[in-house]
Every structure is written in C-alpha cells, then in structure tokens.
Amino acid sequence: MKNDLRQKLHLEPKSGWINDPNGLCYFKGEYHVYYQYSPDSPTGSGRKCWGHLKSPDLISWRSMGIVLFPDTTDDKDGVYSGCGFVKDDTLYLFYTGNVKEEGDHDYVTSGRGANVILVTTKNGHDMSDKKVLLRNSDYPEECSCHVRDPKVWEDNGRYHMVLGARTLQDKGCVLHYVSDDLENWTFLEKYTADDMGYMWECPDEFVIDGHRFLSISPQGLVHGKYDNQNVYSSGYYRMENGVLTDFTEWDKGFDFYAPQSFEAPDGRRILFGWEGIGDIPYTNPTTELGWQHCLTLPRELTVTDYGKILQNPVRELDSLRKNAAPINSGDTVKIDLPFDLAAKVAGDIKVRFDNILQLLHQNGEFRLEFLSDSASGGRDVRYADIPELRDIRIIADKASVEVYINGGETVMSARMYPEDTEITLSAEGVNGTLYELDGIEVISDE
C-alpha cells in the first residue's frame, strides 16, 4: 500500500510544525503533553504557540488544540518551551515568553527579552491570566539575552527552577533558582562545564532511585564519529553533591532533541523527546504535505547499578502488539508498518529494511545506515560504539524508526520515508519475535 506518511504510533500535528515537548505531567487522572507548535507553517514560521494533548493511558489521546498563544507584550514573539508542575488541584505551567525588539540588534547580547511566565489551570486547557515572574534583569549579569526553558520541581518543601542559558562569553550553563511560593524566585547557583558548547537549552533536573541527573540540550559541541554527530545534541549528567559528572547522550540517531521527563502516578520517570532537530542539513518530505516533525515514543527511564540511564518504550505500548511470529537469523519476511522486533543477539547482526536502511553491528561498532536517498531525506549514517551487542528492539512506524540496544543502554532514532507500508525485512544474527502493531488513537477536539 502507498505510504501516506501519517504515523500510527507517534504524536504529530495534523498541520504545521511541532517541536519541543512541554508541560509534561499527570494531572487529574490524565497524562498531559503540551508542545511547541507553529500552526501557520510546516517550516516553523509564523506564530509560536503551545498545543495540548491528553490521555488516560498513553494509548488513547485527545488533541485539545492550541491553549497558549503569543498574545501579550511579554510573549509577542513566541510561547517558548517550559514545564508543568502539579500542586493540589492546580496545574502550574511555566514557559519562556520570547520578545524581539526592533532595531539594530544581534539578539544575543541585545534586543531579546526572555521572560519566565506562569499560567495556571484547573482542567489542563482553560488558562489563567499570564504573570511574568522573571525578566532579563533578574538573571546574572554574565548572561546573554538567551535564557529560557524553565523546569520546576519541589524538594523538601521548597520549589526549584532550572533555566538554560548562554553567557556573554558564549559558554552554555544552567541557572538554578529557588522559591517558597512558586512566584517569587531567587537565584541560587549556576551549573556549567568546560568545552560543552555555547548554549544549554531545555534543562531538566530529576531523581531516579536515589540518583540525581541534569539533562541538557547543548549547542556548539565538537562533533565526533561516535559522539555529538548531529548539529545539536542532547544528554544528561549524573550529579554528585551538586557536581556534574559523566555526560551521556540520550540518543545516537539522526532525529532527537529537547527531551523532557515527568513522574507517572506509579512512580515511573517517563520521557518524551522531539523526534527532530533545528537547522538540519536533511529534509522531511511531509513538509510538502503540510506538516513536519513528531514526538518520540514515550520512554520509561530506569537506572543501572553503575548510574547509567536505560530507556525503553513505555510498557503500555506492548498492548498494541499482535500476530507474534518468530524471526531467526537468515529469515526474510514481509510485514506492514508499524512493527516491533525484539530479539536476542549472538555475535554480529545485519537487519535490513528493503533498500531503505540497514542496522549493522560489526567489530564493536553499531551503524544505522540509510540506503536510499528518497527514503532518507538526505540522512546517511550514524554510529554507536558498542563493544558487545546482547539484544535489540526495533519499533518502526510509517515514517520513523527507534532502535533500543542492550536493554536501552543506547538508543538511535531517525525519521524514514518508505514509499510503501509493506516492508521486506531480512535479519542475520538475531533470534526473537516480530509483532505487527495496532496504532494509538488520537481524537481531535480542535
């Protein structure tokens, strides 16, 4: 069947441009996903708003349309990224209001207002009036005009906020503020590291099983064969007594940026990312159809004994599996998108999707490699240093693929654009199960 490129598993817009997940939370019996949204253009031009999706189970979704517009003098050039914080019967949404002044400005050292704005809601979509909490004058003097993306949490009865920033010396950092009432904030400290780029976006500080982490999306890193292969990167630090140690990338694929996590009601830490990146040298053919980009699958985060985060698709997605069939080394099968392949590995592997892409592990190196320009949009190959491959899980949607390696120690995500929904799948070196997948449900109230 001809592929219309509308995905079955990933949240994406009916039209326009989607990027950062925002305001993630569980509130009054439902999961809420807000997202930065440009409804006027699939290239991201025009108004920068927040869209809203909600779900009781991470499978059945309802799109609530746009809930925040750039309609005040304090956010006139964009409702930029932020977070959700639940307290009692109220959801507090914090975001950056972007303001660009007219005149001769570089919009780094002058001409840009970065306002932390608060709105509240009792039901997730009817918003209070907007209140500015922090302006440029409230940030350290060493900061440029690039300060954004608040993330708020509570710890021992006190509220905390981190903001991503760029200093006047072009060094990325995170600003840490504290508050006793969610409205009046005091600067506490700065986190930074040498040789880690000129801007840190989308900070997220959280704890899993007693381990504290700081997630950032740094811009301006040096690119290597196995590390920071994309134009911009995303990763996390382990924090030990306030000290940042061991930066680890979230995703080694082509399309991943600006992740945000939240705590589910059962205590799980769940992460969504933007399955896209800005300023990419490759393309997405859905742009010609009126929309661009999507969010990643929701991922459960767990921690190993040695402090490394494992990422795996949330268990709720297992309910979409059907028609399980064994797949063994040497098999070639035809299957419709979307599908889920879970396999143990003995030695090297080669998994191939028609002439679209292949996944290879040889001599301690894993490669996600496109074979077709038409299906790749200009993507070529991404690498991961994996000395021993033990298992692999591949979830392929109609226009994307996510690969989970060694129990989620390494993840690689990429958009792909097959002409047809039926794929000829060949596998060498794997022994496991191949599932067809039903899709999630998205109902629109827009």
Protein backbone atom coordinates (compact mmCIF):
# COMPACT_ATOMS: atom_id res chain seq x y z
CA MET A 1 0.00 0.00 0.00
CA LYS A 2 1.22 3.51 -0.82
CA ASN A 3 2.57 5.20 2.31
CA ASP A 4 0.77 8.45 3.19
CA LEU A 5 3.47 9.09 5.86
CA ARG A 6 0.85 9.57 8.58
CA GLN A 7 2.22 7.73 11.57
CA LYS A 8 0.38 5.23 13.76
CA LEU A 9 2.45 5.40 16.96
CA HIS A 10 3.98 8.87 17.17
CA LEU A 11 2.24 12.09 18.15
CA GLU A 12 2.40 14.59 15.29
CA PRO A 13 0.40 17.62 14.12
CA LYS A 14 -2.42 17.49 11.59
CA SER A 15 -0.80 20.54 10.02
CA GLY A 16 2.03 22.92 10.83
CA TRP A 17 5.25 22.35 12.75
CA ILE A 18 5.78 20.62 16.10
CA ASN A 19 8.95 20.69 18.16
CA ASP A 20 9.77 20.61 21.89
CA PRO A 21 7.56 18.61 24.27
CA ASN A 22 6.49 20.89 27.11
CA GLY A 23 4.47 20.84 30.32
CA LEU A 24 4.59 17.05 30.67
CA CYS A 25 2.66 15.84 33.70
CA TYR A 26 -0.01 13.56 35.11
CA PHE A 27 -2.92 15.69 36.32
CA LYS A 28 -6.42 14.72 37.48
CA GLY A 29 -6.31 11.21 36.08
CA GLU A 30 -4.76 12.02 32.70
CA TYR A 31 -1.37 12.39 31.08
CA HIS A 32 -0.86 15.86 29.59
CA VAL A 33 1.56 16.62 26.78
CA TYR A 34 1.96 20.21 25.68
CA TYR A 35 4.25 21.03 22.80
CA GLN A 36 5.73 23.97 20.98
CA TYR A 37 3.66 24.44 17.87
CA SER A 38 3.72 26.63 14.76
CA PRO A 39 0.23 26.20 13.26
CA ASP A 40 0.76 28.59 10.35
CA SER A 41 3.56 26.79 8.54
CA PRO A 42 5.20 23.34 8.31
CA THR A 43 8.58 25.11 8.23
CA GLY A 44 8.08 26.65 11.68
CA SER A 45 7.42 30.24 10.64
CA GLY A 46 4.56 32.32 11.99
CA ARG A 47 3.11 32.14 15.49
CA LYS A 48 4.88 30.06 18.14
CA CYS A 49 2.17 28.57 20.37
CA TRP A 50 1.56 25.66 22.72
CA GLY A 51 -0.61 22.79 21.59
CA HIS A 52 -2.13 20.28 24.01
CA LEU A 53 -2.75 16.53 24.02
CA LYS A 54 -4.10 14.42 26.87
CA SER A 55 -4.57 10.71 27.51
CA PRO A 56 -5.75 8.39 30.30
CA ASP A 57 -3.32 5.62 29.31
CA LEU A 58 -0.64 6.84 26.83
CA ILE A 59 -2.51 4.98 24.06
CA SER A 60 -5.79 6.86 23.53
CA TRP A 61 -5.16 10.56 23.01
CA ARG A 62 -7.32 13.62 22.63
CA SER A 63 -5.98 16.71 20.88
CA MET A 64 -7.23 19.87 22.61
CA GLY A 65 -5.81 22.29 20.04
CA ILE A 66 -3.87 25.45 20.91
CA VAL A 67 -4.00 26.51 24.56
CA LEU A 68 -1.37 29.28 24.68
CA PHE A 69 -0.92 31.98 22.04
CA PRO A 70 1.72 34.75 21.81
CA ASP A 71 -0.86 37.39 22.63
CA THR A 72 0.77 39.74 25.17
CA THR A 73 3.66 42.19 25.01
CA ASP A 74 5.68 39.78 27.17
CA ASP A 75 5.47 36.80 24.78
CA LYS A 76 4.63 38.50 21.47
CA ASP A 77 7.35 36.67 19.53
CA GLY A 78 6.70 33.22 20.84
CA VAL A 79 5.38 31.00 23.60
CA TYR A 80 8.65 29.12 24.00
CA SER A 81 9.38 25.97 25.95
CA GLY A 82 8.59 25.27 29.58
CA CYS A 83 7.17 22.79 32.04
CA GLY A 84 4.19 21.70 34.09
CA PHE A 85 4.07 21.40 37.88
CA VAL A 86 1.11 19.91 39.74
CA LYS A 87 0.24 21.15 43.21
CA ASP A 88 -3.02 20.10 44.89
CA ASP A 89 -5.83 20.69 42.37
CA THR A 90 -3.89 23.12 40.15
CA LEU A 91 -1.52 22.70 37.23
CA TYR A 92 1.12 25.43 37.05
CA LEU A 93 2.59 25.97 33.59
CA PHE A 94 5.86 27.89 33.31
CA TYR A 95 7.26 28.95 29.94
CA THR A 96 9.56 31.45 28.26
CA GLY A 97 7.90 34.43 26.63
CA ASN A 98 10.08 35.49 23.72
CA VAL A 99 10.27 39.18 22.78
CA LYS A 100 12.33 40.58 19.90
CA GLU A 101 12.79 44.32 19.89
CA GLU A 102 13.00 46.36 16.71
CA GLY A 103 16.33 47.97 15.88
CA ASP A 104 19.95 47.10 15.20
CA HIS A 105 20.39 44.09 17.47
CA ASP A 106 22.21 40.78 17.29
CA TYR A 107 19.53 39.25 19.59
CA VAL A 108 22.27 37.55 21.61
CA THR A 109 23.75 40.46 23.56
CA SER A 110 20.84 42.83 22.95
CA GLY A 111 17.34 43.07 21.55
CA ARG A 112 15.75 39.94 23.04
CA GLY A 113 13.56 39.62 26.11
CA ALA A 114 13.40 36.22 27.80
CA ASN A 115 10.53 36.30 30.30
CA VAL A 116 9.59 33.42 32.60
CA ILE A 117 5.77 33.45 32.56
CA LEU A 118 3.31 31.50 34.72
CA VAL A 119 -0.23 30.46 33.93
CA THR A 120 -2.41 28.11 35.96
CA THR A 121 -5.27 25.81 35.03
CA LYS A 122 -7.76 23.65 36.86
CA ASN A 123 -8.57 21.39 33.90
CA GLY A 124 -5.49 21.45 31.67
CA HIS A 125 -6.81 23.68 28.91
CA ASP A 126 -8.59 26.75 30.35
CA MET A 127 -5.76 29.09 31.33
CA SER A 128 -5.49 31.91 33.86
CA ASP A 129 -4.06 35.31 33.04
CA LYS A 130 -0.33 35.37 32.38
CA LYS A 131 2.05 36.54 35.08
CA VAL A 132 5.71 37.44 34.44
CA LEU A 133 7.97 36.00 37.14
CA LEU A 134 11.48 36.73 35.82
CA ARG A 135 12.89 39.12 33.22
CA ASN A 136 16.39 39.68 31.79
CA SER A 137 17.23 41.96 34.71
CA ASP A 138 16.65 39.04 37.10
CA TYR A 139 19.37 36.88 35.53
CA PRO A 140 23.09 37.06 36.40
CA GLU A 141 24.93 39.92 34.68
CA GLU A 142 27.18 37.46 32.84
CA CYS A 143 24.18 36.08 30.89
CA SER A 144 23.33 36.98 27.34
CA CYS A 145 19.73 37.50 26.20
CA HIS A 146 19.43 33.74 25.69
CA VAL A 147 17.88 32.40 28.90
CA ARG A 148 14.91 30.05 28.54
CA ASP A 149 13.04 26.79 29.11
CA PRO A 150 12.09 26.70 32.82
CA LYS A 151 11.73 23.33 34.58
CA VAL A 152 10.22 23.36 38.09
CA TRP A 153 10.05 20.75 40.85
CA GLU A 154 9.59 20.53 44.62
CA ASP A 155 12.17 19.16 47.03
CA ASN A 156 11.80 19.09 50.83
CA GLY A 157 9.08 21.71 50.84
CA ARG A 158 10.94 24.17 48.62
CA TYR A 159 10.45 24.87 44.94
CA HIS A 160 13.28 24.78 42.42
CA MET A 161 13.63 26.01 38.84
CA VAL A 162 16.38 25.49 36.30
CA LEU A 163 16.80 27.61 33.17
CA GLY A 164 19.06 27.06 30.17
CA ALA A 165 21.40 29.93 29.33
CA ARG A 166 24.24 31.34 27.24
CA THR A 167 26.79 33.64 28.84
CA LEU A 168 28.28 36.73 27.22
CA GLN A 169 31.44 34.65 26.86
CA ASP A 170 29.47 32.12 24.74
CA LYS A 171 29.50 29.38 27.33
CA GLY A 172 26.47 27.21 27.99
CA CYS A 173 25.14 26.92 31.54
CA VAL A 174 22.09 26.21 33.69
CA LEU A 175 20.74 28.72 36.19
CA HIS A 176 19.20 27.33 39.40
CA TYR A 177 16.53 29.37 41.23
CA VAL A 178 14.54 28.66 44.41
CA SER A 179 11.17 29.82 45.72
CA ASP A 180 8.82 29.37 48.66
CA ASP A 181 5.63 30.21 46.77
CA LEU A 182 6.14 29.40 43.04
CA GLU A 183 6.02 33.11 42.16
CA ASN A 184 8.97 34.86 43.83
CA TRP A 185 12.26 33.33 42.70
CA THR A 186 15.84 33.85 43.93
CA PHE A 187 18.99 32.88 42.04
CA LEU A 188 20.92 30.15 43.88
CA GLU A 189 23.72 28.81 41.70
CA LYS A 190 24.98 28.09 38.19
CA TYR A 191 25.93 24.75 36.61
CA THR A 192 28.41 24.68 33.75
CA ALA A 193 31.23 22.63 32.27
CA ASP A 194 34.21 23.33 30.03
CA ASP A 195 34.12 22.52 26.31
CA MET A 196 30.37 21.90 26.34
CA GLY A 197 29.11 24.42 23.82
CA TYR A 198 27.85 27.99 23.78
CA MET A 199 24.20 27.40 24.84
CA TRP A 200 22.43 24.87 27.06
CA GLU A 201 18.73 24.50 26.25
CA CYS A 202 15.86 22.57 27.81
CA PRO A 203 17.32 21.70 31.24
CA ASP A 204 15.62 19.01 33.33
CA GLU A 205 16.77 18.01 36.80
CA PHE A 206 15.30 14.82 38.28
CA VAL A 207 15.96 11.84 40.55
CA ILE A 208 15.57 8.12 39.76
CA ASP A 209 16.17 5.56 42.52
CA GLY A 210 18.26 7.99 44.52
CA HIS A 211 20.41 9.05 41.55
CA ARG A 212 20.20 12.72 40.56
CA PHE A 213 20.57 13.81 36.94
CA LEU A 214 20.68 17.02 34.93
CA SER A 215 19.53 16.76 31.33
CA ILE A 216 20.52 19.48 28.84
CA SER A 217 20.46 20.12 25.11
CA PRO A 218 23.80 21.81 24.41
CA GLN A 219 24.55 23.68 21.20
CA GLY A 220 28.04 24.07 19.78
CA LEU A 221 29.67 20.77 20.75
CA VAL A 222 32.58 19.34 18.79
CA HIS A 223 31.36 16.50 16.57
CA GLY A 224 32.99 13.06 16.63
CA LYS A 225 32.41 9.75 14.88
CA TYR A 226 30.56 8.27 17.87
CA ASP A 227 29.64 11.39 19.86
CA ASN A 228 27.62 14.53 19.13
CA GLN A 229 27.12 13.55 15.50
CA ASN A 230 24.17 15.88 14.94
CA VAL A 231 24.11 19.64 14.53
CA TYR A 232 22.84 19.89 18.14
CA SER A 233 22.97 17.32 20.94
CA SER A 234 21.02 16.20 24.00
CA GLY A 235 22.33 14.33 27.00
CA TYR A 236 22.48 14.08 30.76
CA TYR A 237 24.96 14.45 33.59
CA ARG A 238 24.97 12.45 36.76
CA MET A 239 25.05 14.87 39.68
CA GLU A 240 27.12 14.03 42.75
CA ASN A 241 26.81 16.58 45.55
CA GLY A 242 25.98 19.27 43.00
CA VAL A 243 28.91 18.37 40.74
CA LEU A 244 28.26 17.34 37.12
CA THR A 245 29.92 14.08 36.06
CA ASP A 246 29.86 11.78 33.04
CA PHE A 247 27.88 13.42 30.22
CA THR A 248 25.95 10.79 28.25
CA GLU A 249 23.96 11.37 25.06
CA TRP A 250 20.30 10.42 25.14
CA ASP A 251 20.09 9.27 21.53
CA LYS A 252 22.68 8.47 18.83
CA GLY A 253 20.28 8.71 15.90
CA PHE A 254 19.52 11.49 13.42
CA ASP A 255 16.37 12.94 14.97
CA PHE A 256 16.27 13.67 18.68
CA TYR A 257 16.36 16.91 20.70
CA ALA A 258 14.86 18.82 23.63
CA PRO A 259 13.70 15.89 25.81
CA GLN A 260 11.62 16.42 28.94
CA SER A 261 10.68 13.95 31.66
CA PHE A 262 7.98 13.69 34.30
CA GLU A 263 6.82 11.29 37.01
CA ALA A 264 3.88 8.99 36.32
CA PRO A 265 1.41 8.17 39.13
CA ASP A 266 3.10 4.79 39.69
CA GLY A 267 6.47 6.46 40.20
CA ARG A 268 7.93 5.78 36.78
CA ARG A 269 10.03 8.50 35.18
CA ILE A 270 8.78 8.95 31.58
CA LEU A 271 10.50 10.92 28.84
CA PHE A 272 9.35 12.37 25.54
CA GLY A 273 11.73 13.96 23.05
CA TRP A 274 11.31 15.92 19.87
CA GLU A 275 11.97 13.49 17.01
CA GLY A 276 13.59 16.26 15.02
CA ILE A 277 16.28 18.92 15.32
CA GLY A 278 16.53 22.51 14.15
CA ASP A 279 18.92 23.64 11.42
CA ILE A 280 19.28 20.14 9.99
CA PRO A 281 21.09 19.50 6.68
CA TYR A 282 18.47 16.88 5.70
CA THR A 283 14.78 17.20 4.89
CA ASN A 284 11.35 15.82 5.76
CA PRO A 285 9.03 15.23 2.79
CA THR A 286 5.93 15.67 4.94
CA THR A 287 6.66 19.41 4.72
CA GLU A 288 5.23 19.37 1.19
CA LEU A 289 2.10 17.70 2.62
CA GLY A 290 1.56 20.43 5.21
CA TRP A 291 3.15 19.15 8.42
CA GLN A 292 6.57 18.43 9.87
CA HIS A 293 8.10 16.54 12.81
CA CYS A 294 6.71 14.44 15.66
CA LEU A 295 7.43 13.48 19.26
CA THR A 296 9.28 10.30 20.17
CA LEU A 297 7.57 7.32 21.69
CA PRO A 298 7.19 7.80 25.45
CA ARG A 299 10.11 6.11 27.19
CA GLU A 300 10.46 4.67 30.68
CA LEU A 301 13.70 5.63 32.39
CA THR A 302 15.42 3.28 34.82
CA VAL A 303 18.93 3.34 36.27
CA THR A 304 21.63 0.66 36.40
CA ASP A 305 23.71 -0.01 39.48
CA TYR A 306 26.54 1.99 37.88
CA GLY A 307 24.38 5.08 37.33
CA LYS A 308 23.55 4.82 33.63
CA ILE A 309 20.00 5.54 32.48
CA LEU A 310 18.20 2.87 30.46
CA GLN A 311 15.46 4.00 28.06
CA ASN A 312 12.72 1.69 26.86
CA PRO A 313 9.28 2.22 25.30
CA VAL A 314 6.61 2.51 27.98
CA ARG A 315 5.04 -0.85 28.78
CA GLU A 316 1.63 0.42 27.69
CA LEU A 317 2.78 0.16 24.07
CA ASP A 318 3.08 -3.63 24.45
CA SER A 319 -0.73 -3.76 24.35
CA LEU A 320 -0.56 -2.77 20.66
CA ARG A 321 1.31 -5.95 19.73
CA LYS A 322 -0.48 -8.62 17.69
CA ASN A 323 0.23 -11.61 15.43
CA ALA A 324 3.52 -12.53 17.07
CA ALA A 325 5.81 -14.60 14.86
CA PRO A 326 9.32 -15.96 15.47
CA ILE A 327 12.15 -14.44 13.50
CA ASN A 328 15.54 -16.11 13.29
CA SER A 329 18.86 -15.48 11.66
CA GLY A 330 18.59 -15.84 7.90
CA ASP A 331 14.86 -15.12 7.71
CA THR A 332 13.32 -12.76 5.18
CA VAL A 333 9.72 -11.73 5.76
CA LYS A 334 7.22 -9.19 4.51
CA ILE A 335 5.45 -7.10 7.13
CA ASP A 336 3.35 -3.96 7.20
CA LEU A 337 4.38 -0.84 9.09
CA PRO A 338 4.22 -0.35 12.01
CA PHE A 339 6.00 -3.32 13.57
CA ASP A 340 8.03 -4.26 16.64
CA LEU A 341 11.05 -6.60 16.54
CA ALA A 342 12.52 -7.81 19.84
CA ALA A 343 15.49 -10.15 19.63
CA LYS A 344 18.47 -11.61 21.41
CA VAL A 345 21.78 -11.39 19.61
CA ALA A 346 24.72 -13.76 19.34
CA GLY A 347 27.61 -12.02 17.58
CA ASP A 348 27.26 -9.51 14.78
CA ILE A 349 23.96 -8.64 13.09
CA LYS A 350 22.56 -7.20 9.91
CA VAL A 351 18.91 -6.17 9.81
CA ARG A 352 17.72 -4.66 6.54
CA PHE A 353 14.51 -2.87 5.55
CA ASP A 354 14.24 -3.38 1.77
CA ASN A 355 16.58 -0.87 0.15
CA ILE A 356 15.67 1.73 2.76
CA LEU A 357 18.09 1.26 5.64
CA GLN A 358 20.14 -1.32 7.48
CA LEU A 359 21.26 -1.84 11.05
CA LEU A 360 24.71 -3.37 11.38
CA HIS A 361 26.91 -4.46 14.26
CA GLN A 362 30.45 -5.43 13.34
CA ASN A 363 33.72 -5.28 15.28
CA GLY A 364 32.22 -3.42 18.22
CA GLU A 365 30.57 -0.77 16.06
CA PHE A 366 26.84 -0.30 15.51
CA ARG A 367 25.60 1.55 12.44
CA LEU A 368 22.20 2.89 11.43
CA GLU A 369 22.71 3.41 7.72
CA PHE A 370 20.33 4.63 5.05
CA LEU A 371 20.46 3.01 1.63
CA SER A 372 18.01 5.22 -0.25
CA ASP A 373 18.11 8.99 -0.74
CA SER A 374 14.37 9.13 -1.32
CA ALA A 375 13.61 7.37 1.96
CA SER A 376 16.26 9.20 3.97
CA GLY A 377 15.69 12.84 3.09
CA GLY A 378 19.47 13.21 2.98
CA ARG A 379 20.30 11.23 6.13
CA ASP A 380 23.32 8.95 5.74
CA VAL A 381 24.80 7.02 8.70
CA ARG A 382 25.03 7.30 12.47
CA TYR A 383 27.42 5.29 14.64
CA ALA A 384 27.50 3.93 18.19
CA ASP A 385 30.45 2.38 20.00
CA ILE A 386 29.03 -0.89 21.35
CA PRO A 387 31.70 -3.49 22.15
CA GLU A 388 29.16 -6.25 22.88
CA LEU A 389 25.67 -6.46 21.43
CA ARG A 390 23.31 -8.57 23.55
CA ASP A 391 19.80 -7.63 22.44
CA ILE A 392 17.92 -5.21 20.24
CA ARG A 393 14.40 -3.85 19.91
CA ILE A 394 13.28 -2.06 16.76
CA ILE A 395 10.00 -0.18 16.55
CA ALA A 396 9.29 1.02 13.01
CA ASP A 397 6.43 3.39 12.31
CA LYS A 398 5.25 4.58 8.90
CA ALA A 399 7.77 7.43 8.88
CA SER A 400 10.27 6.75 11.67
CA VAL A 401 12.30 4.10 13.43
CA GLU A 402 13.51 3.85 17.02
CA VAL A 403 16.20 1.30 17.94
CA TYR A 404 16.78 0.25 21.56
CA ILE A 405 20.07 -1.58 22.14
CA ASN A 406 21.23 -3.66 25.11
CA GLY A 407 18.18 -3.11 27.25
CA GLY A 408 18.02 0.58 26.38
CA GLU A 409 21.64 1.47 27.17
CA THR A 410 21.86 3.02 23.71
CA VAL A 411 19.01 4.39 21.58
CA MET A 412 19.01 5.56 17.96
CA SER A 413 16.04 7.41 16.45
CA ALA A 414 15.50 8.52 12.88
CA ARG A 415 12.79 9.64 10.52
CA MET A 416 12.47 7.46 7.42
CA TYR A 417 10.10 7.75 4.47
CA PRO A 418 9.36 4.45 2.66
CA GLU A 419 7.23 4.62 -0.47
CA ASP A 420 5.07 1.70 0.69
CA THR A 421 3.78 0.50 4.03
CA GLU A 422 4.84 -3.10 3.34
CA ILE A 423 8.49 -3.78 4.17
CA THR A 424 10.68 -6.74 3.25
CA LEU A 425 12.64 -7.37 6.41
CA SER A 426 15.78 -9.51 6.38
CA ALA A 427 17.64 -10.43 9.55
CA GLU A 428 21.02 -12.01 10.19
CA GLY A 429 22.34 -12.78 13.67
CA VAL A 430 19.08 -12.21 15.55
CA ASN A 431 16.65 -14.61 17.19
CA GLY A 432 13.45 -13.20 18.56
CA THR A 433 9.85 -12.22 17.90
CA LEU A 434 8.31 -9.98 15.26
CA TYR A 435 5.00 -8.29 16.06
CA GLU A 436 2.55 -6.37 13.97
CA LEU A 437 1.31 -3.29 15.79
CA ASP A 438 -2.00 -1.55 16.11
CA GLY A 439 -1.83 2.23 16.25
CA ILE A 440 -2.56 4.64 19.04
CA GLU A 441 -5.80 6.62 18.83
CA VAL A 442 -5.84 10.40 18.51
CA ILE A 443 -9.23 12.14 18.61
CA SER A 444 -9.35 15.85 17.87
CA ASP A 445 -11.38 18.45 19.77
CA GLU A 446 -9.79 21.26 17.75
